[in-house]
N, C-alpha and C. Protein backbone atom coordinates (compact mmCIF):
# COMPACT_ATOMS: atom_id res chain seq x y z
N MET A 1 0.78 -1.24 -0.11
CA MET A 1 -0.03 -0.15 0.05
C MET A 1 0.89 1.23 -0.14
N ILE A 2 0.51 2.23 -0.68
CA ILE A 2 1.09 3.44 -0.74
C ILE A 2 0.60 4.63 0.11
N ASP A 3 1.55 4.80 0.88
CA ASP A 3 0.96 5.32 2.34
C ASP A 3 1.48 7.19 2.12
N ALA A 4 1.90 7.49 1.25
CA ALA A 4 2.01 9.07 0.56
C ALA A 4 0.60 9.68 0.41
N SER A 5 0.68 11.13 0.68
CA SER A 5 -0.80 11.74 0.08
C SER A 5 -0.44 13.01 -0.47
N PHE A 6 -1.45 13.23 -1.35
CA PHE A 6 -1.10 14.93 -1.70
C PHE A 6 -2.46 15.57 -1.65
N TRP A 7 -2.11 16.66 -1.52
CA TRP A 7 -3.40 17.42 -1.11
C TRP A 7 -4.40 16.80 -0.04
N GLY A 8 -3.62 16.03 1.02
CA GLY A 8 -4.21 15.35 2.00
C GLY A 8 -5.57 14.55 1.66
N ILE A 9 -4.85 13.86 0.18
CA ILE A 9 -5.51 12.76 -0.30
C ILE A 9 -4.51 11.96 -0.40
N PRO A 10 -4.78 10.36 0.13
CA PRO A 10 -3.72 9.30 -0.36
C PRO A 10 -3.46 9.30 -1.69
N VAL A 11 -2.24 8.87 -1.94
CA VAL A 11 -1.81 8.60 -3.57
C VAL A 11 -2.79 7.48 -4.38
N VAL A 12 -3.22 6.52 -3.40
CA VAL A 12 -3.74 5.43 -4.02
C VAL A 12 -5.14 5.97 -4.54
N GLU A 13 -5.72 6.75 -3.39
CA GLU A 13 -7.25 7.18 -3.88
C GLU A 13 -6.94 8.35 -5.08
N TRP A 14 -5.93 8.98 -5.61
CA TRP A 14 -5.76 9.60 -6.57
C TRP A 14 -5.74 8.72 -7.37
N ILE A 15 -5.06 7.53 -7.66
CA ILE A 15 -5.00 6.64 -8.54
C ILE A 15 -5.97 6.16 -9.13
N GLY A 16 -7.22 5.99 -8.06
CA GLY A 16 -8.54 5.78 -8.88
C GLY A 16 -9.23 6.67 -8.98
N TYR A 17 -8.94 8.12 -8.63
CA TYR A 17 -10.08 9.06 -9.46
C TYR A 17 -9.53 8.97 -10.76
N ILE A 18 -7.84 8.92 -11.11
CA ILE A 18 -7.43 9.42 -12.48
C ILE A 18 -8.15 8.05 -13.29
N ALA A 19 -7.97 6.88 -12.76
CA ALA A 19 -8.27 5.67 -13.66
C ALA A 19 -10.22 6.28 -13.75
N SER A 20 -10.98 6.68 -13.08
CA SER A 20 -12.21 7.03 -13.59
C SER A 20 -12.67 7.97 -14.32
N VAL A 21 -11.30 8.94 -14.36
CA VAL A 21 -11.57 9.91 -15.22
C VAL A 21 -11.38 9.51 -16.73
N PHE A 22 -10.23 8.54 -16.78
CA PHE A 22 -10.16 8.02 -18.44
C PHE A 22 -11.30 6.80 -18.68
N VAL A 23 -11.88 6.61 -17.89
CA VAL A 23 -13.17 5.68 -18.19
C VAL A 23 -14.28 6.69 -18.48
N LEU A 24 -14.33 7.82 -17.89
CA LEU A 24 -15.52 8.67 -18.12
C LEU A 24 -15.32 9.27 -19.59
N ILE A 25 -14.03 9.54 -19.78
CA ILE A 25 -13.48 10.31 -20.95
C ILE A 25 -13.72 9.38 -22.14
N SER A 26 -13.72 8.00 -21.47
CA SER A 26 -13.44 7.28 -22.60
C SER A 26 -15.34 6.94 -23.45
N LEU A 27 -16.00 7.07 -22.62
CA LEU A 27 -17.30 7.13 -23.01
C LEU A 27 -18.05 8.21 -23.50
N MET A 28 -17.06 9.07 -23.37
CA MET A 28 -17.79 10.51 -24.29
C MET A 28 -16.90 10.19 -25.86
N MET A 29 -16.26 9.48 -25.97
CA MET A 29 -15.85 9.60 -27.34
C MET A 29 -16.58 8.82 -28.20
N SER A 30 -16.89 9.68 -29.48
CA SER A 30 -17.95 9.29 -30.56
C SER A 30 -16.95 8.10 -31.64
N SER A 31 -15.36 8.27 -31.45
CA SER A 31 -14.61 7.51 -32.24
C SER A 31 -14.44 5.89 -31.39
N ILE A 32 -14.90 5.01 -32.03
CA ILE A 32 -14.24 3.70 -31.69
C ILE A 32 -13.13 3.29 -31.12
N LEU A 33 -12.37 3.81 -31.89
CA LEU A 33 -10.81 3.64 -31.51
C LEU A 33 -10.47 4.29 -30.62
N ARG A 34 -10.60 5.42 -30.38
CA ARG A 34 -10.50 6.45 -29.67
C ARG A 34 -10.95 5.72 -28.15
N LEU A 35 -12.17 5.43 -28.29
CA LEU A 35 -12.88 4.85 -26.76
C LEU A 35 -12.16 3.56 -26.44
N ARG A 36 -11.80 2.79 -27.20
CA ARG A 36 -11.14 1.65 -26.72
C ARG A 36 -9.45 1.73 -26.17
N ILE A 37 -9.05 2.63 -26.89
CA ILE A 37 -7.48 2.98 -26.28
C ILE A 37 -7.60 3.63 -25.23
N ILE A 38 -8.68 5.15 -24.61
CA ILE A 38 -8.48 5.32 -23.39
C ILE A 38 -9.22 4.44 -22.32
N ASN A 39 -10.13 3.58 -22.60
CA ASN A 39 -10.90 2.65 -21.91
C ASN A 39 -9.71 1.87 -21.37
N LEU A 40 -8.96 1.44 -22.66
CA LEU A 40 -7.85 0.78 -22.19
C LEU A 40 -7.18 0.90 -21.10
N ILE A 41 -6.56 2.37 -21.03
CA ILE A 41 -6.00 2.88 -20.25
C ILE A 41 -6.41 3.01 -18.58
N GLY A 42 -7.81 3.42 -18.98
CA GLY A 42 -8.63 3.30 -17.83
C GLY A 42 -8.74 2.25 -16.97
N ALA A 43 -9.04 0.91 -17.74
CA ALA A 43 -8.87 -0.16 -17.10
C ALA A 43 -7.64 -0.78 -16.29
N LEU A 44 -6.68 -0.44 -17.18
CA LEU A 44 -5.15 -0.71 -16.65
C LEU A 44 -5.17 -0.22 -15.30
N ILE A 45 -5.08 1.26 -15.16
CA ILE A 45 -5.28 2.12 -14.00
C ILE A 45 -5.69 1.45 -12.95
N PHE A 46 -7.25 1.27 -13.03
CA PHE A 46 -7.94 0.72 -12.28
C PHE A 46 -7.61 -0.60 -12.02
N SER A 47 -6.86 -1.31 -12.83
CA SER A 47 -6.29 -2.94 -12.41
C SER A 47 -5.26 -2.69 -11.21
N ILE A 48 -4.43 -1.78 -11.60
CA ILE A 48 -3.22 -1.26 -10.39
C ILE A 48 -4.00 -0.97 -9.18
N TYR A 49 -4.96 -0.18 -9.35
CA TYR A 49 -5.55 0.44 -8.10
C TYR A 49 -6.10 -0.91 -7.39
N GLY A 50 -6.93 -1.55 -7.87
CA GLY A 50 -7.27 -2.72 -7.29
C GLY A 50 -6.39 -3.78 -6.61
N LEU A 51 -5.13 -3.38 -7.31
CA LEU A 51 -3.97 -4.78 -6.87
C LEU A 51 -3.46 -3.44 -5.27
N LEU A 52 -3.12 -2.33 -5.39
CA LEU A 52 -2.60 -1.33 -4.41
C LEU A 52 -3.78 -1.61 -2.87
N ILE A 53 -5.26 -1.59 -3.21
CA ILE A 53 -6.03 -1.71 -1.80
C ILE A 53 -6.47 -3.11 -1.83
N GLU A 54 -5.74 -3.95 -2.76
CA GLU A 54 -5.89 -5.56 -2.15
C GLU A 54 -7.25 -5.63 -2.58
N SER A 55 -7.76 -5.41 -3.46
CA SER A 55 -9.12 -5.84 -3.71
C SER A 55 -9.01 -6.60 -5.33
N TYR A 56 -8.93 -7.85 -5.35
CA TYR A 56 -8.58 -8.54 -6.20
C TYR A 56 -9.51 -8.74 -7.35
N PRO A 57 -10.87 -8.66 -6.77
CA PRO A 57 -12.06 -8.97 -7.88
C PRO A 57 -11.93 -7.75 -8.85
N VAL A 58 -11.50 -6.71 -8.02
CA VAL A 58 -11.52 -5.41 -8.94
C VAL A 58 -10.23 -5.18 -9.96
N ALA A 59 -9.05 -5.68 -9.43
CA ALA A 59 -7.85 -5.94 -10.22
C ALA A 59 -8.33 -6.88 -11.09
N ILE A 60 -8.97 -8.06 -10.92
CA ILE A 60 -9.08 -8.89 -12.09
C ILE A 60 -10.09 -8.62 -13.13
N MET A 61 -11.26 -7.76 -12.92
CA MET A 61 -12.26 -7.44 -13.68
C MET A 61 -11.90 -6.59 -14.65
N ASN A 62 -10.81 -5.29 -14.12
CA ASN A 62 -10.38 -4.55 -14.71
C ASN A 62 -9.27 -4.96 -16.06
N PHE A 63 -8.51 -5.80 -15.53
CA PHE A 63 -7.73 -6.80 -16.16
C PHE A 63 -8.19 -7.50 -17.43
N LEU A 64 -9.41 -8.11 -17.15
CA LEU A 64 -10.26 -8.73 -18.14
C LEU A 64 -10.54 -7.58 -19.20
N ILE A 65 -10.98 -6.27 -18.73
CA ILE A 65 -11.51 -5.60 -19.66
C ILE A 65 -10.59 -4.93 -20.38
N VAL A 66 -8.84 -4.86 -19.90
CA VAL A 66 -7.89 -4.29 -20.57
C VAL A 66 -7.56 -5.66 -21.92
N LEU A 67 -8.11 -6.69 -21.81
CA LEU A 67 -7.62 -7.80 -22.50
C LEU A 67 -8.90 -7.71 -23.32
N SER A 68 -9.87 -7.59 -23.09
CA SER A 68 -10.98 -7.07 -24.18
C SER A 68 -10.73 -6.10 -24.91
N ASN A 69 -10.30 -5.08 -24.35
CA ASN A 69 -9.96 -3.53 -25.19
C ASN A 69 -8.88 -4.02 -26.43
N ILE A 70 -7.90 -4.58 -25.73
CA ILE A 70 -6.44 -5.31 -26.88
C ILE A 70 -7.15 -5.95 -27.94
N TYR A 71 -8.09 -7.12 -27.47
CA TYR A 71 -8.62 -8.08 -28.53
C TYR A 71 -9.12 -7.17 -29.43
N TYR A 72 -10.08 -6.19 -29.43
CA TYR A 72 -11.15 -5.52 -30.14
C TYR A 72 -9.86 -4.63 -30.89
N LEU A 73 -9.20 -4.02 -30.62
CA LEU A 73 -7.99 -3.38 -31.32
C LEU A 73 -7.33 -3.92 -32.03
N TYR A 74 -6.88 -5.11 -31.71
CA TYR A 74 -6.09 -5.96 -32.65
C TYR A 74 -7.34 -6.43 -33.92
N LYS A 75 -8.43 -6.93 -33.54
CA LYS A 75 -9.48 -6.97 -34.86
C LYS A 75 -9.67 -5.69 -35.52
N MET A 76 -9.66 -4.78 -34.92
CA MET A 76 -9.72 -3.55 -35.70
C MET A 76 -8.60 -3.09 -36.78
N ARG A 77 -7.19 -3.69 -36.23
CA ARG A 77 -6.44 -3.61 -37.26
C ARG A 77 -6.10 -4.42 -38.01
N LYS A 78 -6.71 -5.68 -37.86
CA LYS A 78 -6.37 -6.64 -38.75
C LYS A 78 -7.70 -6.85 -39.84
N ILE A 79 -8.84 -6.02 -39.76
CA ILE A 79 -9.98 -5.88 -40.56
C ILE A 79 -9.67 -5.26 -41.87
N LYS A 80 -9.92 -5.63 -43.22
CA LYS A 80 -9.78 -5.01 -44.10
C LYS A 80 -10.98 -4.30 -44.48
N GLU A 81 -10.77 -2.91 -44.26
CA GLU A 81 -11.68 -1.96 -44.54
C GLU A 81 -11.85 -1.75 -45.93
N GLU A 82 -12.99 -1.23 -46.75
CA GLU A 82 -12.88 -1.16 -48.22
C GLU A 82 -13.32 0.80 -48.02
N PHE A 83 -12.80 1.31 -48.75
CA PHE A 83 -12.91 2.83 -48.80
C PHE A 83 -13.15 3.03 -50.39
N THR A 84 -14.11 3.85 -50.59
CA THR A 84 -14.69 4.15 -52.13
C THR A 84 -15.06 5.72 -52.01
N ILE A 85 -14.67 6.42 -53.51
CA ILE A 85 -15.01 7.74 -53.42
C ILE A 85 -16.10 7.29 -54.22
N LEU A 86 -17.17 8.12 -54.32
CA LEU A 86 -18.57 8.37 -55.23
C LEU A 86 -18.73 9.87 -55.78
N GLU A 87 -18.53 10.44 -56.70
CA GLU A 87 -18.77 11.64 -57.02
C GLU A 87 -19.85 12.10 -56.76
N ALA A 88 -19.96 12.89 -56.14
CA ALA A 88 -21.64 13.56 -56.16
C ALA A 88 -21.48 14.82 -56.57
N SER A 89 -23.12 14.88 -56.77
CA SER A 89 -23.81 15.95 -57.50
C SER A 89 -23.99 17.12 -56.60
N PRO A 90 -23.35 18.57 -56.97
CA PRO A 90 -23.92 19.24 -55.91
C PRO A 90 -25.20 19.94 -55.65
N ASN A 91 -26.23 19.49 -56.78
CA ASN A 91 -27.35 19.81 -56.47
C ASN A 91 -28.22 18.97 -56.42
N SER A 92 -27.50 17.59 -55.64
CA SER A 92 -28.36 16.54 -55.49
C SER A 92 -29.28 16.60 -54.02
N THR A 93 -30.18 16.22 -54.00
CA THR A 93 -31.17 16.53 -52.78
C THR A 93 -30.29 15.53 -51.72
N PHE A 94 -29.58 14.78 -51.96
CA PHE A 94 -28.82 14.06 -50.76
C PHE A 94 -27.59 15.05 -50.23
N MET A 95 -26.88 15.38 -51.20
CA MET A 95 -26.08 16.41 -50.51
C MET A 95 -26.28 17.31 -49.50
N GLY A 96 -27.51 18.05 -49.79
CA GLY A 96 -28.10 19.17 -49.37
C GLY A 96 -28.61 18.71 -48.02
N ARG A 97 -29.01 17.42 -47.63
CA ARG A 97 -29.65 16.73 -46.40
C ARG A 97 -28.50 16.29 -45.74
N PHE A 98 -27.41 15.93 -46.28
CA PHE A 98 -26.14 15.39 -45.43
C PHE A 98 -25.67 16.87 -44.75
N ILE A 99 -25.09 17.87 -45.89
CA ILE A 99 -24.82 19.02 -44.76
C ILE A 99 -25.77 19.51 -44.14
N GLU A 100 -27.10 19.64 -44.11
CA GLU A 100 -28.13 20.01 -42.94
C GLU A 100 -28.10 19.20 -41.64
N LEU A 101 -28.10 17.87 -41.67
CA LEU A 101 -27.74 17.15 -40.63
C LEU A 101 -26.61 17.04 -39.90
N ASN A 102 -25.52 17.38 -40.52
CA ASN A 102 -24.31 17.96 -40.02
C ASN A 102 -23.53 19.02 -39.69
N TYR A 103 -24.78 19.77 -39.83
CA TYR A 103 -24.55 21.45 -40.02
C TYR A 103 -23.58 22.02 -38.92
N LYS A 104 -24.12 21.62 -37.44
CA LYS A 104 -23.51 22.32 -36.55
C LYS A 104 -22.06 21.67 -36.14
N GLU A 105 -21.73 20.15 -36.58
CA GLU A 105 -20.65 19.74 -36.48
C GLU A 105 -19.74 20.27 -37.41
N ILE A 106 -19.99 20.69 -38.82
CA ILE A 106 -19.27 21.22 -39.91
C ILE A 106 -18.73 22.40 -39.39
N LYS A 107 -19.72 23.16 -39.25
CA LYS A 107 -19.34 24.47 -38.77
C LYS A 107 -18.14 24.89 -37.36
N ARG A 108 -18.19 23.70 -36.68
CA ARG A 108 -17.12 23.63 -35.73
C ARG A 108 -15.83 23.58 -36.08
N PHE A 109 -15.70 22.77 -37.32
CA PHE A 109 -13.91 22.59 -37.94
C PHE A 109 -13.87 23.84 -39.34
N PHE A 110 -14.99 24.15 -39.74
CA PHE A 110 -15.17 24.93 -41.06
C PHE A 110 -16.08 25.95 -40.64
N PRO A 111 -15.99 26.85 -39.69
CA PRO A 111 -16.66 28.28 -39.18
C PRO A 111 -17.13 29.21 -40.50
N LYS A 112 -16.31 29.15 -41.55
CA LYS A 112 -16.22 29.64 -42.77
C LYS A 112 -17.40 29.46 -44.01
N PHE A 113 -17.40 28.04 -43.68
CA PHE A 113 -18.40 27.01 -44.61
C PHE A 113 -19.42 27.84 -44.89
N ILE A 114 -20.08 27.97 -46.49
CA ILE A 114 -21.00 28.28 -46.83
C ILE A 114 -21.55 27.62 -48.35
N PHE A 115 -21.94 26.83 -48.28
CA PHE A 115 -21.84 25.71 -49.85
C PHE A 115 -22.71 26.52 -50.70
N ASN A 116 -21.97 26.61 -52.16
CA ASN A 116 -22.22 27.51 -53.23
C ASN A 116 -22.06 26.00 -54.45
N ASN A 117 -23.01 26.04 -54.82
CA ASN A 117 -22.90 24.97 -55.82
C ASN A 117 -22.62 25.15 -57.18
N GLU A 118 -22.54 26.44 -57.23
CA GLU A 118 -21.96 27.04 -58.34
C GLU A 118 -20.43 27.17 -58.48
N VAL A 119 -19.97 27.03 -57.31
CA VAL A 119 -18.44 27.26 -57.37
C VAL A 119 -17.93 26.16 -56.54
N HIS A 120 -18.52 25.19 -55.84
CA HIS A 120 -18.04 24.06 -55.26
C HIS A 120 -18.01 22.70 -56.42
N ASN A 121 -17.02 23.05 -57.41
CA ASN A 121 -17.37 22.17 -58.36
C ASN A 121 -16.98 20.85 -58.68
N ILE A 122 -16.03 20.53 -57.29
CA ILE A 122 -15.32 18.64 -57.19
C ILE A 122 -16.17 18.55 -55.70
N SER A 123 -16.69 17.33 -55.89
CA SER A 123 -17.11 16.91 -54.65
C SER A 123 -17.34 15.42 -54.67
N PHE A 124 -17.26 14.85 -53.60
CA PHE A 124 -17.06 13.19 -52.91
C PHE A 124 -17.74 12.94 -52.34
N TYR A 125 -18.35 11.78 -52.05
CA TYR A 125 -18.91 11.25 -50.64
C TYR A 125 -17.87 10.30 -50.32
N ILE A 126 -17.06 10.09 -49.44
CA ILE A 126 -16.32 9.12 -48.82
C ILE A 126 -17.46 7.97 -48.34
N LEU A 127 -17.24 6.64 -48.90
CA LEU A 127 -17.92 5.37 -48.42
C LEU A 127 -16.69 4.86 -47.53
N ARG A 128 -17.18 4.48 -46.67
CA ARG A 128 -16.14 3.30 -45.78
C ARG A 128 -16.97 2.08 -45.51
N ASN A 129 -16.62 0.79 -46.18
CA ASN A 129 -17.55 -0.33 -45.84
C ASN A 129 -18.98 -0.31 -46.52
N MET A 130 -19.10 0.89 -47.26
CA MET A 130 -20.41 1.19 -48.02
C MET A 130 -21.37 2.03 -47.18
N ASN A 131 -20.95 2.84 -46.49
CA ASN A 131 -21.75 3.58 -45.56
C ASN A 131 -21.11 4.94 -45.73
N VAL A 132 -21.63 6.19 -45.72
CA VAL A 132 -21.33 7.46 -45.94
C VAL A 132 -20.75 8.03 -44.83
N ALA A 133 -19.11 8.30 -45.17
CA ALA A 133 -18.33 8.31 -43.73
C ALA A 133 -18.14 9.98 -44.04
N GLY A 134 -18.14 10.53 -44.77
CA GLY A 134 -17.64 11.71 -45.29
C GLY A 134 -17.94 12.53 -46.28
N LEU A 135 -17.54 13.89 -46.49
CA LEU A 135 -17.77 14.68 -47.47
C LEU A 135 -16.81 15.50 -48.28
N PHE A 136 -16.20 15.46 -49.22
CA PHE A 136 -15.24 16.27 -49.56
C PHE A 136 -15.58 17.14 -50.67
N ILE A 137 -15.23 18.66 -50.31
CA ILE A 137 -15.74 19.58 -51.46
C ILE A 137 -14.63 20.56 -51.78
N ALA A 138 -14.60 20.79 -52.67
CA ALA A 138 -13.48 21.72 -53.25
C ALA A 138 -13.47 22.61 -54.48
N THR A 139 -12.82 23.85 -54.72
CA THR A 139 -13.16 24.47 -55.82
C THR A 139 -11.82 24.65 -56.47
N HIS A 140 -12.01 25.38 -57.70
CA HIS A 140 -10.79 25.58 -58.14
C HIS A 140 -10.11 27.31 -57.83
N TYR A 141 -8.62 27.25 -57.48
CA TYR A 141 -8.52 28.17 -56.54
C TYR A 141 -7.49 29.00 -57.56
N ASN A 142 -6.44 28.65 -58.25
CA ASN A 142 -5.82 29.09 -59.61
C ASN A 142 -5.57 27.92 -60.53
N THR A 143 -4.49 28.44 -61.52
CA THR A 143 -4.18 27.05 -62.63
C THR A 143 -3.65 25.80 -61.96
N ASN A 144 -2.99 25.52 -61.00
CA ASN A 144 -2.31 24.22 -60.21
C ASN A 144 -2.63 24.31 -59.06
N THR A 145 -3.75 24.68 -58.45
CA THR A 145 -4.35 24.51 -57.02
C THR A 145 -5.68 24.19 -56.76
N LEU A 146 -5.99 23.31 -55.89
CA LEU A 146 -7.20 23.20 -55.68
C LEU A 146 -7.27 23.80 -54.30
N LYS A 147 -8.93 24.07 -54.04
CA LYS A 147 -9.00 24.87 -52.73
C LYS A 147 -10.35 23.86 -52.35
N VAL A 148 -9.45 23.46 -50.83
CA VAL A 148 -10.39 22.40 -50.18
C VAL A 148 -11.42 23.49 -49.47
N VAL A 149 -12.66 22.96 -49.54
CA VAL A 149 -13.73 24.04 -48.82
C VAL A 149 -14.20 23.06 -47.64
N LEU A 150 -14.22 21.82 -47.84
CA LEU A 150 -15.11 20.85 -46.95
C LEU A 150 -14.30 19.57 -47.19
N ASP A 151 -13.94 18.92 -45.90
CA ASP A 151 -13.16 17.85 -45.74
C ASP A 151 -13.57 17.27 -44.36
N TYR A 152 -14.91 17.01 -44.47
CA TYR A 152 -15.61 16.39 -43.28
C TYR A 152 -16.05 15.29 -42.99
N VAL A 153 -15.69 14.72 -41.73
CA VAL A 153 -15.84 12.99 -41.41
C VAL A 153 -16.73 12.77 -40.48
N SER A 154 -17.47 12.00 -40.32
CA SER A 154 -18.60 11.82 -39.17
C SER A 154 -17.56 11.34 -38.23
N PRO A 155 -17.84 11.93 -36.74
CA PRO A 155 -17.19 11.49 -35.69
C PRO A 155 -16.87 10.12 -35.48
N GLU A 156 -17.82 9.24 -35.90
CA GLU A 156 -17.46 7.88 -35.32
C GLU A 156 -16.57 7.14 -36.39
N TYR A 157 -15.91 8.06 -37.79
CA TYR A 157 -15.03 7.15 -38.43
C TYR A 157 -13.85 8.21 -38.49
N ARG A 158 -13.72 9.18 -37.43
CA ARG A 158 -12.60 9.93 -37.53
C ARG A 158 -11.21 9.33 -36.65
N ASP A 159 -10.58 8.54 -37.41
CA ASP A 159 -9.30 7.70 -37.04
C ASP A 159 -8.12 7.76 -37.96
N PHE A 160 -8.30 8.93 -38.93
CA PHE A 160 -7.21 9.59 -39.95
C PHE A 160 -7.23 8.47 -41.04
N LYS A 161 -8.02 7.13 -41.10
CA LYS A 161 -7.69 6.18 -42.17
C LYS A 161 -8.59 7.20 -43.54
N ILE A 162 -9.84 7.73 -43.16
CA ILE A 162 -10.38 8.46 -44.25
C ILE A 162 -9.31 9.66 -44.96
N GLY A 163 -8.92 10.32 -44.07
CA GLY A 163 -8.11 11.45 -44.40
C GLY A 163 -6.88 10.96 -45.17
N ASP A 164 -6.39 9.97 -44.60
CA ASP A 164 -5.33 9.43 -45.25
C ASP A 164 -5.58 8.77 -46.64
N TYR A 165 -6.70 8.03 -46.48
CA TYR A 165 -7.11 7.77 -48.03
C TYR A 165 -7.51 8.82 -49.53
N ILE A 166 -8.15 9.86 -48.53
CA ILE A 166 -8.17 11.33 -49.59
C ILE A 166 -6.92 11.86 -50.18
N HIS A 167 -6.23 12.08 -49.07
CA HIS A 167 -4.53 13.17 -49.25
C HIS A 167 -3.57 12.02 -49.78
N HIS A 168 -3.73 10.69 -50.06
CA HIS A 168 -2.72 10.04 -50.43
C HIS A 168 -3.10 9.10 -51.64
N GLN A 169 -4.37 8.62 -51.58
CA GLN A 169 -4.60 7.69 -52.72
C GLN A 169 -5.43 8.67 -53.75
N LEU A 170 -6.07 9.64 -53.43
CA LEU A 170 -6.50 10.34 -54.66
C LEU A 170 -5.59 11.49 -55.48
N VAL A 171 -3.99 11.54 -55.14
CA VAL A 171 -3.24 12.15 -55.56
C VAL A 171 -3.30 12.10 -57.17
N LYS A 172 -3.20 10.59 -57.79
CA LYS A 172 -3.48 10.59 -59.36
C LYS A 172 -4.50 11.56 -59.72
N TYR A 173 -5.46 11.21 -59.07
CA TYR A 173 -7.10 11.92 -59.74
C TYR A 173 -6.53 13.05 -59.96
N PHE A 174 -6.57 14.19 -58.46
CA PHE A 174 -6.29 15.69 -58.67
C PHE A 174 -4.84 15.80 -59.81
N LEU A 175 -4.11 15.08 -60.00
CA LEU A 175 -2.98 15.36 -60.74
C LEU A 175 -3.60 15.38 -62.27
N ALA A 176 -4.42 14.54 -62.36
CA ALA A 176 -4.74 14.12 -63.96
C ALA A 176 -5.55 15.43 -64.17
N LYS A 177 -6.54 15.76 -63.37
CA LYS A 177 -7.57 16.91 -63.38
C LYS A 177 -6.20 18.41 -63.36
N GLY A 178 -4.86 18.05 -63.23
CA GLY A 178 -3.91 19.54 -63.72
C GLY A 178 -3.95 20.16 -62.42
N TYR A 179 -4.25 19.53 -61.34
CA TYR A 179 -3.53 20.24 -59.99
C TYR A 179 -2.53 19.84 -59.21
N ARG A 180 -1.63 20.57 -58.85
CA ARG A 180 -0.34 19.99 -58.27
C ARG A 180 -0.51 20.69 -56.47
N LYS A 181 -1.75 21.28 -56.09
CA LYS A 181 -1.26 21.41 -54.89
C LYS A 181 -2.84 21.23 -54.37
N LEU A 182 -2.91 21.32 -52.97
CA LEU A 182 -3.93 21.20 -52.21
C LEU A 182 -4.18 22.49 -50.99
N LEU A 183 -4.88 23.44 -50.93
CA LEU A 183 -4.75 24.21 -50.17
C LEU A 183 -6.17 24.42 -49.43
N CYS A 184 -5.82 24.49 -47.91
CA CYS A 184 -6.89 24.76 -47.00
C CYS A 184 -6.62 26.21 -46.04
N ASP A 185 -8.02 26.62 -45.92
CA ASP A 185 -7.72 28.06 -45.17
C ASP A 185 -8.76 27.44 -43.98
N THR A 186 -7.60 27.60 -42.52
CA THR A 186 -8.77 27.30 -41.39
C THR A 186 -7.92 27.71 -40.39
N SER A 187 -8.48 28.22 -39.03
CA SER A 187 -8.06 28.59 -38.04
C SER A 187 -8.34 27.71 -36.86
N ASN A 188 -9.14 26.28 -36.93
CA ASN A 188 -9.30 25.37 -35.94
C ASN A 188 -8.31 24.50 -35.71
N ALA A 189 -7.83 24.68 -34.61
CA ALA A 189 -6.79 23.84 -34.02
C ALA A 189 -6.86 22.51 -34.36
N LYS A 190 -7.67 22.04 -33.95
CA LYS A 190 -7.68 20.41 -33.99
C LYS A 190 -7.70 20.23 -35.91
N HIS A 191 -8.35 20.95 -36.43
CA HIS A 191 -8.20 20.81 -38.03
C HIS A 191 -6.78 21.03 -38.69
N ILE A 192 -6.36 21.60 -37.78
CA ILE A 192 -4.66 22.17 -38.23
C ILE A 192 -3.88 21.02 -38.09
N ASN A 193 -4.34 20.37 -36.93
CA ASN A 193 -3.18 19.07 -36.45
C ASN A 193 -3.55 18.16 -37.37
N TYR A 194 -4.78 17.92 -38.01
CA TYR A 194 -5.03 17.17 -39.01
C TYR A 194 -4.07 17.25 -40.09
N LEU A 195 -4.53 18.24 -40.41
CA LEU A 195 -4.07 18.70 -41.71
C LEU A 195 -2.34 18.54 -41.76
N LEU A 196 -1.96 18.88 -40.59
CA LEU A 196 -0.39 18.93 -40.72
C LEU A 196 0.19 16.97 -40.67
N LYS A 197 -1.03 16.45 -40.01
CA LYS A 197 -0.51 14.88 -40.03
C LYS A 197 -0.63 14.49 -41.55
N MET A 198 -1.55 14.93 -42.26
CA MET A 198 -1.89 14.70 -43.89
C MET A 198 -0.84 15.12 -44.85
N GLY A 199 0.09 15.87 -44.15
CA GLY A 199 1.23 16.67 -45.02
C GLY A 199 1.10 18.03 -45.45
N TYR A 200 0.05 18.79 -44.77
CA TYR A 200 0.33 20.04 -45.38
C TYR A 200 1.34 20.86 -44.59
N LYS A 201 1.78 22.01 -45.43
CA LYS A 201 2.69 23.04 -44.86
C LYS A 201 2.25 24.19 -44.47
N LYS A 202 2.37 24.95 -43.42
CA LYS A 202 1.58 25.90 -42.87
C LYS A 202 2.79 26.91 -44.18
N GLU A 203 1.68 28.15 -44.75
CA GLU A 203 2.47 29.44 -45.62
C GLU A 203 1.55 30.34 -45.59
N VAL A 204 2.46 31.85 -45.59
CA VAL A 204 1.69 32.85 -45.41
C VAL A 204 1.24 33.42 -46.68
N ILE A 205 0.13 33.37 -47.13
CA ILE A 205 -0.18 34.48 -48.77
C ILE A 205 -0.60 35.76 -48.49
N ASN A 206 -0.33 36.63 -48.97
CA ASN A 206 -0.96 37.64 -48.48
C ASN A 206 -1.03 38.50 -47.09
N ASN A 207 0.03 38.30 -46.14
CA ASN A 207 -0.52 38.12 -44.79
C ASN A 207 -1.66 37.07 -44.36
N HIS A 208 -1.61 36.12 -44.74
CA HIS A 208 -2.90 35.23 -44.27
C HIS A 208 -2.27 33.72 -44.44
N THR A 209 -2.75 32.99 -43.15
CA THR A 209 -2.16 32.00 -43.06
C THR A 209 -2.79 31.13 -43.48
N VAL A 210 -2.31 30.10 -44.63
CA VAL A 210 -3.19 28.88 -45.18
C VAL A 210 -2.07 27.42 -44.87
N TYR A 211 -2.83 26.58 -45.19
CA TYR A 211 -2.23 25.28 -45.32
C TYR A 211 -2.10 24.66 -46.65
N ILE A 212 -1.00 24.15 -47.01
CA ILE A 212 -1.00 23.80 -48.42
C ILE A 212 0.00 22.57 -48.64
N LYS A 213 -0.74 21.45 -49.60
CA LYS A 213 -0.29 20.03 -49.86
C LYS A 213 0.09 20.17 -50.98
N THR A 214 1.72 19.88 -51.29
CA THR A 214 1.80 19.69 -52.74
C THR A 214 1.88 18.39 -52.89
N LEU A 215 1.15 18.18 -54.21
CA LEU A 215 0.80 16.24 -54.66
C LEU A 215 2.12 15.97 -55.67
N GLY A 216 2.16 14.87 -55.43
CA GLY A 216 3.29 14.08 -56.46
C GLY A 216 4.78 14.39 -55.88
């Protein structure tokens, strides 16, 4: 047993509190992958907590939860998922409905987004195992640059796999259209982190910060 204390509370109790926080956070995750990883961490800490307070049923139960999370994470890695790009019509009822249903979430990451079917002439649905997981909309910026207006993925599919598919597997498609660069204008910290992971570089154009990915 750990006898030390912090702020008058025994360290062993802090370990239990920390484990509870991890479990709580995991249940707030919309992404199954993040839920599994964070829940695994929480269960592992809870298992250690159970050993420290000599509550072996707590330790064993949470260790089994750890093993369960490891098993499902392994299965998630081994499952071969199918990604498909389906060209979308800017005037389609389905696209309008998709944007409407996800509008609040879209505005979180793309606060400047206002759909204009006359200029947003490149658009795709991203299908994951034949489920509509996201929507990609872009417009012509200059002779060799495509401006990404929307690169939205539903919360339950946010594990970078779709982003990786779009920004790496569709390079040939964009190059065939004559585009050599993708440009994104955003100030959202989470989206900036996503862009950097996808290979975008920070640049300043006319005193304005944008993110550009060179293709090929």
